[in-house]
Every structure is written in C-alpha cells, then in structure tokens.
Amino acid sequence: MHDSFLSELRNKKLSVYFVSESFRIQKSSEIWSLLIKRSSSLL
C-alpha cells in the first residue's frame, strides 16, 4: 500500500511538472514568435 501511494504521488508530481513545463514552453515560444515578428518588422 505504501509503495502504491508513493508511486501515485510521484506520478502526480510528474504530471504537474510536465503540465507546467509545457505551459512554460508554450509561453516562451509565443514570446519568441512575437520577438521574431518585431525584429522582422524592424528590418
């Protein structure tokens, strides 16, 4: 029982981590696309 609880906890942590990471990556890619648009318009 203890083992399953630990593994469940770890899975939850992993899923939270993956969600936050994907969100962060999405945000940074949006920022990058904005930057690229700006710089291309400047050029």
C-alpha atoms as a PDB file:
ATOM      1  CA  MET A   1       0.000   0.000   0.000  1.00  0.00           C
ATOM      2  CA  HIS A   2       2.739   2.424   0.935  1.00  0.00           C
ATOM      3  CA  ASP A   3       4.529   1.717  -2.328  1.00  0.00           C
ATOM      4  CA  SER A   4       1.480   2.418  -4.421  1.00  0.00           C
ATOM      5  CA  PHE A   5       0.897   5.650  -2.534  1.00  0.00           C
ATOM      6  CA  LEU A   6       4.470   6.741  -3.199  1.00  0.00           C
ATOM      7  CA  SER A   7       4.285   5.918  -6.866  1.00  0.00           C
ATOM      8  CA  GLU A   8       0.966   7.739  -7.159  1.00  0.00           C
ATOM      9  CA  LEU A   9       2.472  10.781  -5.503  1.00  0.00           C
ATOM     10  CA  ARG A  10       5.421  10.657  -7.866  1.00  0.00           C
ATOM     11  CA  ASN A  11       3.103  10.352 -10.848  1.00  0.00           C
ATOM     12  CA  LYS A  12       1.159  13.369  -9.681  1.00  0.00           C
ATOM     13  CA  LYS A  13       4.356  15.348  -9.295  1.00  0.00           C
ATOM     14  CA  LEU A  14       5.478  14.284 -12.741  1.00  0.00           C
ATOM     15  CA  SER A  15       2.205  15.223 -14.359  1.00  0.00           C
ATOM     16  CA  VAL A  16       2.203  18.612 -12.644  1.00  0.00           C
ATOM     17  CA  TYR A  17       5.779  19.121 -13.730  1.00  0.00           C
ATOM     18  CA  PHE A  18       5.015  18.195 -17.319  1.00  0.00           C
ATOM     19  CA  VAL A  19       1.986  20.458 -17.445  1.00  0.00           C
ATOM     20  CA  SER A  20       3.905  23.413 -16.070  1.00  0.00           C
ATOM     21  CA  GLU A  21       6.831  22.721 -18.386  1.00  0.00           C
ATOM     22  CA  SER A  22       4.638  22.522 -21.458  1.00  0.00           C
ATOM     23  CA  PHE A  23       2.897  25.730 -20.393  1.00  0.00           C
ATOM     24  CA  ARG A  24       6.247  27.451 -19.936  1.00  0.00           C
ATOM     25  CA  ILE A  25       7.467  26.223 -23.309  1.00  0.00           C
ATOM     26  CA  GLN A  26       4.276  27.441 -24.940  1.00  0.00           C
ATOM     27  CA  LYS A  27       4.716  30.842 -23.327  1.00  0.00           C
ATOM     28  CA  SER A  28       8.335  31.152 -24.371  1.00  0.00           C
ATOM     29  CA  SER A  29       7.513  30.117 -27.933  1.00  0.00           C
ATOM     30  CA  GLU A  30       4.821  32.795 -28.045  1.00  0.00           C
ATOM     31  CA  ILE A  31       7.340  35.337 -26.820  1.00  0.00           C
ATOM     32  CA  TRP A  32       9.850  34.160 -29.404  1.00  0.00           C
ATOM     33  CA  SER A  33       7.355  34.461 -32.218  1.00  0.00           C
ATOM     34  CA  LEU A  34       6.492  37.967 -31.060  1.00  0.00           C
ATOM     35  CA  LEU A  35      10.158  38.892 -30.939  1.00  0.00           C
ATOM     36  CA  ILE A  36      10.743  37.494 -34.400  1.00  0.00           C
ATOM     37  CA  LYS A  37       7.780  39.421 -35.784  1.00  0.00           C
ATOM     38  CA  ARG A  38       9.049  42.620 -34.168  1.00  0.00           C
ATOM     39  CA  SER A  39      12.589  42.203 -35.416  1.00  0.00           C
ATOM     40  CA  SER A  40      11.425  41.306 -38.918  1.00  0.00           C
ATOM     41  CA  SER A  41       9.210  44.395 -38.971  1.00  0.00           C
ATOM     42  CA  LEU A  42      12.172  46.461 -37.790  1.00  0.00           C
ATOM     43  CA  LEU A  43      14.285  45.046 -40.568  1.00  0.00           C
END
